[in-house]
PDB file of all heavy atoms in Angstrom:
ATOM      1  N   ALA A   1      32.966  11.082   7.231  1.00  0.00           N
ATOM      2  CA  ALA A   1      31.922  11.157   8.208  1.00  0.00           C
ATOM      3  C   ALA A   1      32.573  10.664   9.674  1.00  0.00           C
ATOM      4  O   ALA A   1      33.419   9.771   9.663  1.00  0.00           O
ATOM      5  CB  ALA A   1      30.759  10.278   7.942  1.00  0.00           C
ATOM      6  N   THR A   2      32.141  11.348  10.660  1.00  0.00           N
ATOM      7  CA  THR A   2      32.502  10.907  12.008  1.00  0.00           C
ATOM      8  C   THR A   2      31.820   9.708  12.417  1.00  0.00           C
ATOM      9  O   THR A   2      30.575   9.492  12.333  1.00  0.00           O
ATOM     10  CB  THR A   2      32.177  12.070  13.060  1.00  0.00           C
ATOM     11  OG1 THR A   2      32.775  13.219  12.632  1.00  0.00           O
ATOM     12  CG2 THR A   2      32.549  11.646  14.441  1.00  0.00           C
ATOM     13  N   PRO A   3      32.548   8.561  12.797  1.00  0.00           N
ATOM     14  CA  PRO A   3      31.882   7.431  13.182  1.00  0.00           C
ATOM     15  C   PRO A   3      30.910   7.506  14.330  1.00  0.00           C
ATOM     16  O   PRO A   3      31.055   8.353  15.197  1.00  0.00           O
ATOM     17  CB  PRO A   3      33.019   6.429  13.583  1.00  0.00           C
ATOM     18  CG  PRO A   3      34.265   7.098  13.010  1.00  0.00           C
ATOM     19  CD  PRO A   3      33.923   8.576  12.868  1.00  0.00           C
ATOM     20  N   ALA A   4      29.759   6.815  14.315  1.00  0.00           N
ATOM     21  CA  ALA A   4      28.802   6.846  15.404  1.00  0.00           C
ATOM     22  C   ALA A   4      29.387   6.460  16.726  1.00  0.00           C
ATOM     23  O   ALA A   4      30.238   5.575  16.785  1.00  0.00           O
ATOM     24  CB  ALA A   4      27.593   5.989  15.061  1.00  0.00           C
ATOM     25  N   TRP A   5      29.014   7.180  17.799  1.00  0.00           N
ATOM     26  CA  TRP A   5      29.526   6.819  19.094  1.00  0.00           C
ATOM     27  C   TRP A   5      28.471   6.844  20.144  1.00  0.00           C
ATOM     28  O   TRP A   5      27.780   7.900  20.153  1.00  0.00           O
ATOM     29  CB  TRP A   5      30.768   7.757  19.506  1.00  0.00           C
ATOM     30  CG  TRP A   5      31.341   7.237  20.877  1.00  0.00           C
ATOM     31  CD1 TRP A   5      31.141   7.692  22.079  1.00  0.00           C
ATOM     32  CD2 TRP A   5      32.324   6.276  20.949  1.00  0.00           C
ATOM     33  NE1 TRP A   5      31.791   7.014  23.021  1.00  0.00           N
ATOM     34  CE2 TRP A   5      32.626   6.160  22.430  1.00  0.00           C
ATOM     35  CE3 TRP A   5      32.969   5.367  20.029  1.00  0.00           C
ATOM     36  CZ2 TRP A   5      33.536   5.214  22.838  1.00  0.00           C
ATOM     37  CZ3 TRP A   5      33.922   4.473  20.530  1.00  0.00           C
ATOM     38  CH2 TRP A   5      34.246   4.437  22.021  1.00  0.00           C
ATOM     39  N   PRO A   6      28.165   5.778  20.810  1.00  0.00           N
ATOM     40  CA  PRO A   6      29.032   4.469  20.685  1.00  0.00           C
ATOM     41  C   PRO A   6      28.507   3.765  19.457  1.00  0.00           C
ATOM     42  O   PRO A   6      27.462   3.948  19.040  1.00  0.00           O
ATOM     43  CB  PRO A   6      28.520   3.763  22.027  1.00  0.00           C
ATOM     44  CG  PRO A   6      27.169   4.249  22.332  1.00  0.00           C
ATOM     45  CD  PRO A   6      27.218   5.685  21.929  1.00  0.00           C
ATOM     46  N   PRO A   7      29.294   2.810  19.139  1.00  0.00           N
ATOM     47  CA  PRO A   7      29.068   2.016  17.868  1.00  0.00           C
ATOM     48  C   PRO A   7      27.742   1.111  18.013  1.00  0.00           C
ATOM     49  O   PRO A   7      27.402   0.837  19.205  1.00  0.00           O
ATOM     50  CB  PRO A   7      30.244   1.141  17.746  1.00  0.00           C
ATOM     51  CG  PRO A   7      31.324   1.783  18.417  1.00  0.00           C
ATOM     52  CD  PRO A   7      30.660   2.425  19.605  1.00  0.00           C
ATOM     53  N   ALA A   8      27.055   0.846  16.999  1.00  0.00           N
ATOM     54  CA  ALA A   8      25.837   0.016  17.137  1.00  0.00           C
ATOM     55  C   ALA A   8      26.145  -1.356  17.732  1.00  0.00           C
ATOM     56  O   ALA A   8      25.288  -1.967  18.318  1.00  0.00           O
ATOM     57  CB  ALA A   8      25.256  -0.221  15.742  1.00  0.00           C
ATOM     58  N   SER A   9      27.323  -1.837  17.705  1.00  0.00           N
ATOM     59  CA  SER A   9      27.709  -3.186  18.252  1.00  0.00           C
ATOM     60  C   SER A   9      28.082  -3.126  19.710  1.00  0.00           C
ATOM     61  O   SER A   9      28.492  -4.106  20.367  1.00  0.00           O
ATOM     62  CB  SER A   9      28.888  -3.717  17.499  1.00  0.00           C
ATOM     63  OG  SER A   9      29.974  -2.772  17.607  1.00  0.00           O
ATOM     64  N   THR A  10      27.962  -1.982  20.330  1.00  0.00           N
ATOM     65  CA  THR A  10      28.276  -1.754  21.696  1.00  0.00           C
ATOM     66  C   THR A  10      27.541  -2.778  22.587  1.00  0.00           C
ATOM     67  O   THR A  10      26.205  -2.754  22.474  1.00  0.00           O
ATOM     68  CB  THR A  10      28.045  -0.370  22.211  1.00  0.00           C
ATOM     69  OG1 THR A  10      28.857   0.522  21.496  1.00  0.00           O
ATOM     70  CG2 THR A  10      28.377  -0.176  23.698  1.00  0.00           C
ATOM     71  N   PRO A  11      28.118  -3.538  23.502  1.00  0.00           N
ATOM     72  CA  PRO A  11      27.370  -4.470  24.342  1.00  0.00           C
ATOM     73  C   PRO A  11      26.426  -3.642  25.251  1.00  0.00           C
ATOM     74  O   PRO A  11      26.728  -2.503  25.675  1.00  0.00           O
ATOM     75  CB  PRO A  11      28.469  -5.144  25.167  1.00  0.00           C
ATOM     76  CG  PRO A  11      29.677  -4.996  24.331  1.00  0.00           C
ATOM     77  CD  PRO A  11      29.575  -3.685  23.719  1.00  0.00           C
ATOM     78  N   ARG A  12      25.375  -4.268  25.745  1.00  0.00           N
ATOM     79  CA  ARG A  12      24.278  -3.606  26.600  1.00  0.00           C
ATOM     80  C   ARG A  12      24.080  -4.588  27.769  1.00  0.00           C
ATOM     81  O   ARG A  12      23.784  -5.757  27.620  1.00  0.00           O
ATOM     82  CB  ARG A  12      23.101  -3.402  25.757  1.00  0.00           C
ATOM     83  CG  ARG A  12      22.079  -2.500  26.509  1.00  0.00           C
ATOM     84  CD  ARG A  12      20.968  -2.036  25.462  1.00  0.00           C
ATOM     85  NE  ARG A  12      20.129  -1.068  26.153  1.00  0.00           N
ATOM     86  CZ  ARG A  12      19.086  -1.392  26.901  1.00  0.00           C
ATOM     87  NH1 ARG A  12      18.724  -2.849  27.027  1.00  0.00           N
ATOM     88  NH2 ARG A  12      18.255  -0.584  27.469  1.00  0.00           N
ATOM     89  N   LEU A  13      24.124  -3.974  29.027  1.00  0.00           N
ATOM     90  CA  LEU A  13      24.095  -4.874  30.179  1.00  0.00           C
ATOM     91  C   LEU A  13      23.178  -4.256  31.214  1.00  0.00           C
ATOM     92  O   LEU A  13      23.240  -3.048  31.422  1.00  0.00           O
ATOM     93  CB  LEU A  13      25.421  -5.109  30.742  1.00  0.00           C
ATOM     94  CG  LEU A  13      25.656  -6.051  31.886  1.00  0.00           C
ATOM     95  CD1 LEU A  13      25.402  -7.468  31.370  1.00  0.00           C
ATOM     96  CD2 LEU A  13      27.111  -5.934  32.399  1.00  0.00           C
ATOM     97  N   PHE A  14      22.364  -5.121  31.900  1.00  0.00           N
ATOM     98  CA  PHE A  14      21.573  -4.659  33.083  1.00  0.00           C
ATOM     99  C   PHE A  14      22.429  -4.790  34.336  1.00  0.00           C
ATOM    100  O   PHE A  14      23.134  -5.748  34.544  1.00  0.00           O
ATOM    101  CB  PHE A  14      20.373  -5.535  33.299  1.00  0.00           C
ATOM    102  CG  PHE A  14      19.649  -5.364  34.535  1.00  0.00           C
ATOM    103  CD1 PHE A  14      19.002  -4.160  34.839  1.00  0.00           C
ATOM    104  CD2 PHE A  14      19.604  -6.356  35.621  1.00  0.00           C
ATOM    105  CE1 PHE A  14      18.375  -3.900  36.002  1.00  0.00           C
ATOM    106  CE2 PHE A  14      18.922  -6.104  36.734  1.00  0.00           C
ATOM    107  CZ  PHE A  14      18.339  -4.934  36.967  1.00  0.00           C
ATOM    108  N   MET A  15      22.446  -3.653  35.118  1.00  0.00           N
ATOM    109  CA  MET A  15      23.053  -3.609  36.474  1.00  0.00           C
ATOM    110  C   MET A  15      22.013  -3.426  37.524  1.00  0.00           C
ATOM    111  O   MET A  15      21.293  -2.372  37.425  1.00  0.00           O
ATOM    112  CB  MET A  15      24.154  -2.515  36.455  1.00  0.00           C
ATOM    113  CG  MET A  15      25.303  -2.712  35.463  1.00  0.00           C
ATOM    114  SD  MET A  15      26.398  -4.028  35.887  1.00  0.00           S
ATOM    115  CE  MET A  15      27.102  -3.438  37.424  1.00  0.00           C
ATOM    116  N   ASP A  16      21.922  -4.377  38.523  1.00  0.00           N
ATOM    117  CA  ASP A  16      20.981  -4.140  39.586  1.00  0.00           C
ATOM    118  C   ASP A  16      21.527  -3.292  40.733  1.00  0.00           C
ATOM    119  O   ASP A  16      21.562  -3.712  41.858  1.00  0.00           O
ATOM    120  CB  ASP A  16      20.541  -5.518  40.066  1.00  0.00           C
ATOM    121  CG  ASP A  16      19.367  -5.413  40.963  1.00  0.00           C
ATOM    122  OD1 ASP A  16      18.598  -4.336  40.865  1.00  0.00           O
ATOM    123  OD2 ASP A  16      19.014  -6.446  41.671  1.00  0.00           O
ATOM    124  N   SER A  17      21.934  -2.101  40.407  1.00  0.00           N
ATOM    125  CA  SER A  17      22.437  -1.148  41.344  1.00  0.00           C
ATOM    126  C   SER A  17      22.318   0.227  40.603  1.00  0.00           C
ATOM    127  O   SER A  17      22.392   0.353  39.460  1.00  0.00           O
ATOM    128  CB  SER A  17      23.878  -1.390  41.796  1.00  0.00           C
ATOM    129  OG  SER A  17      24.765  -1.393  40.589  1.00  0.00           O
ATOM    130  N   PRO A  18      22.165   1.385  41.475  1.00  0.00           N
ATOM    131  CA  PRO A  18      21.972   2.686  40.891  1.00  0.00           C
ATOM    132  C   PRO A  18      23.226   3.089  40.161  1.00  0.00           C
ATOM    133  O   PRO A  18      24.326   2.829  40.585  1.00  0.00           O
ATOM    134  CB  PRO A  18      21.751   3.535  42.113  1.00  0.00           C
ATOM    135  CG  PRO A  18      21.234   2.607  43.215  1.00  0.00           C
ATOM    136  CD  PRO A  18      21.964   1.295  42.909  1.00  0.00           C
ATOM    137  N   LEU A  19      22.881   3.748  38.987  1.00  0.00           N
ATOM    138  CA  LEU A  19      24.014   4.233  38.119  1.00  0.00           C
ATOM    139  C   LEU A  19      24.043   5.689  38.158  1.00  0.00           C
ATOM    140  O   LEU A  19      22.957   6.437  38.304  1.00  0.00           O
ATOM    141  CB  LEU A  19      23.848   3.756  36.709  1.00  0.00           C
ATOM    142  CG  LEU A  19      23.926   2.213  36.562  1.00  0.00           C
ATOM    143  CD1 LEU A  19      23.610   1.790  35.058  1.00  0.00           C
ATOM    144  CD2 LEU A  19      25.272   1.704  36.923  1.00  0.00           C
ATOM    145  N   ALA A  20      25.168   6.371  38.048  1.00  0.00           N
ATOM    146  CA  ALA A  20      25.296   7.816  38.081  1.00  0.00           C
ATOM    147  C   ALA A  20      26.637   8.239  37.467  1.00  0.00           C
ATOM    148  O   ALA A  20      27.558   7.298  37.375  1.00  0.00           O
ATOM    149  CB  ALA A  20      25.286   8.365  39.580  1.00  0.00           C
ATOM    150  N   PRO A  21      26.776   9.424  37.007  1.00  0.00           N
ATOM    151  CA  PRO A  21      28.088   9.863  36.456  1.00  0.00           C
ATOM    152  C   PRO A  21      29.268   9.582  37.335  1.00  0.00           C
ATOM    153  O   PRO A  21      29.180   9.840  38.557  1.00  0.00           O
ATOM    154  CB  PRO A  21      27.827  11.393  36.222  1.00  0.00           C
ATOM    155  CG  PRO A  21      26.352  11.559  36.137  1.00  0.00           C
ATOM    156  CD  PRO A  21      25.855  10.592  36.965  1.00  0.00           C
ATOM    157  N   MET A  22      30.338   9.109  36.802  1.00  0.00           N
ATOM    158  CA  MET A  22      31.584   8.789  37.481  1.00  0.00           C
ATOM    159  C   MET A  22      31.435   7.614  38.473  1.00  0.00           C
ATOM    160  O   MET A  22      32.481   7.313  39.064  1.00  0.00           O
ATOM    161  CB  MET A  22      32.085  10.026  38.291  1.00  0.00           C
ATOM    162  CG  MET A  22      32.315  11.186  37.334  1.00  0.00           C
ATOM    163  SD  MET A  22      33.239  10.840  35.822  1.00  0.00           S
ATOM    164  CE  MET A  22      34.880  10.513  36.533  1.00  0.00           C
ATOM    165  N   ALA A  23      30.294   6.871  38.473  1.00  0.00           N
ATOM    166  CA  ALA A  23      30.275   5.715  39.265  1.00  0.00           C
ATOM    167  C   ALA A  23      31.157   4.564  38.570  1.00  0.00           C
ATOM    168  O   ALA A  23      31.409   4.692  37.403  1.00  0.00           O
ATOM    169  CB  ALA A  23      28.799   5.158  39.347  1.00  0.00           C
ATOM    170  N   THR A  24      31.523   3.614  39.331  1.00  0.00           N
ATOM    171  CA  THR A  24      32.464   2.582  38.846  1.00  0.00           C
ATOM    172  C   THR A  24      31.913   1.208  39.205  1.00  0.00           C
ATOM    173  O   THR A  24      32.511   0.475  40.108  1.00  0.00           O
ATOM    174  CB  THR A  24      33.901   2.724  39.387  1.00  0.00           C
ATOM    175  OG1 THR A  24      33.886   2.869  40.899  1.00  0.00           O
ATOM    176  CG2 THR A  24      34.539   4.077  38.845  1.00  0.00           C
ATOM    177  N   PRO A  25      30.892   0.782  38.617  1.00  0.00           N
ATOM    178  CA  PRO A  25      30.336  -0.548  38.901  1.00  0.00           C
ATOM    179  C   PRO A  25      31.231  -1.658  38.358  1.00  0.00           C
ATOM    180  O   PRO A  25      32.009  -1.465  37.497  1.00  0.00           O
ATOM    181  CB  PRO A  25      28.969  -0.453  38.160  1.00  0.00           C
ATOM    182  CG  PRO A  25      29.162   0.475  37.057  1.00  0.00           C
ATOM    183  CD  PRO A  25      30.002   1.498  37.620  1.00  0.00           C
ATOM    184  N   VAL A  26      31.195  -2.814  39.084  1.00  0.00           N
ATOM    185  CA  VAL A  26      31.992  -3.904  38.694  1.00  0.00           C
ATOM    186  C   VAL A  26      31.119  -4.984  38.060  1.00  0.00           C
ATOM    187  O   VAL A  26      30.067  -5.386  38.707  1.00  0.00           O
ATOM    188  CB  VAL A  26      32.829  -4.440  39.902  1.00  0.00           C
ATOM    189  CG1 VAL A  26      33.621  -5.689  39.527  1.00  0.00           C
ATOM    190  CG2 VAL A  26      33.795  -3.326  40.425  1.00  0.00           C
ATOM    191  N   VAL A  27      31.530  -5.552  36.995  1.00  0.00           N
ATOM    192  CA  VAL A  27      30.819  -6.640  36.342  1.00  0.00           C
ATOM    193  C   VAL A  27      31.529  -7.912  36.596  1.00  0.00           C
ATOM    194  O   VAL A  27      32.691  -8.026  36.378  1.00  0.00           O
ATOM    195  CB  VAL A  27      30.724  -6.401  34.810  1.00  0.00           C
ATOM    196  CG1 VAL A  27      29.938  -7.632  34.153  1.00  0.00           C
ATOM    197  CG2 VAL A  27      29.995  -5.128  34.523  1.00  0.00           C
ATOM    198  N   GLU A  28      30.730  -8.878  37.229  1.00  0.00           N
ATOM    199  CA  GLU A  28      31.399 -10.172  37.565  1.00  0.00           C
ATOM    200  C   GLU A  28      30.547 -11.257  36.988  1.00  0.00           C
ATOM    201  O   GLU A  28      29.552 -11.072  36.353  1.00  0.00           O
ATOM    202  CB  GLU A  28      31.537 -10.299  39.048  1.00  0.00           C
ATOM    203  CG  GLU A  28      32.391  -9.211  39.725  1.00  0.00           C
ATOM    204  CD  GLU A  28      32.466  -9.307  41.185  1.00  0.00           C
ATOM    205  OE1 GLU A  28      31.354  -9.299  41.829  1.00  0.00           O
ATOM    206  OE2 GLU A  28      33.518  -9.281  41.761  1.00  0.00           O
ATOM    207  N   GLY A  29      30.941 -12.523  37.373  1.00  0.00           N
ATOM    208  CA  GLY A  29      30.212 -13.686  37.011  1.00  0.00           C
ATOM    209  C   GLY A  29      30.012 -13.926  35.526  1.00  0.00           C
ATOM    210  O   GLY A  29      31.042 -13.674  34.733  1.00  0.00           O
ATOM    211  N   ALA A  30      28.886 -14.481  35.096  1.00  0.00           N
ATOM    212  CA  ALA A  30      28.680 -14.997  33.739  1.00  0.00           C
ATOM    213  C   ALA A  30      28.778 -13.766  32.762  1.00  0.00           C
ATOM    214  O   ALA A  30      29.252 -13.924  31.630  1.00  0.00           O
ATOM    215  CB  ALA A  30      27.302 -15.652  33.614  1.00  0.00           C
TER     216      ALA A  30
END
């Protein structure tokens, strides 16, 4: 079977800035 993508263990994060295809947000801090 083809593994699920993304995996169930994929981290999930809130970004307080608009997201869109090909955007490159930067994660900093904690």
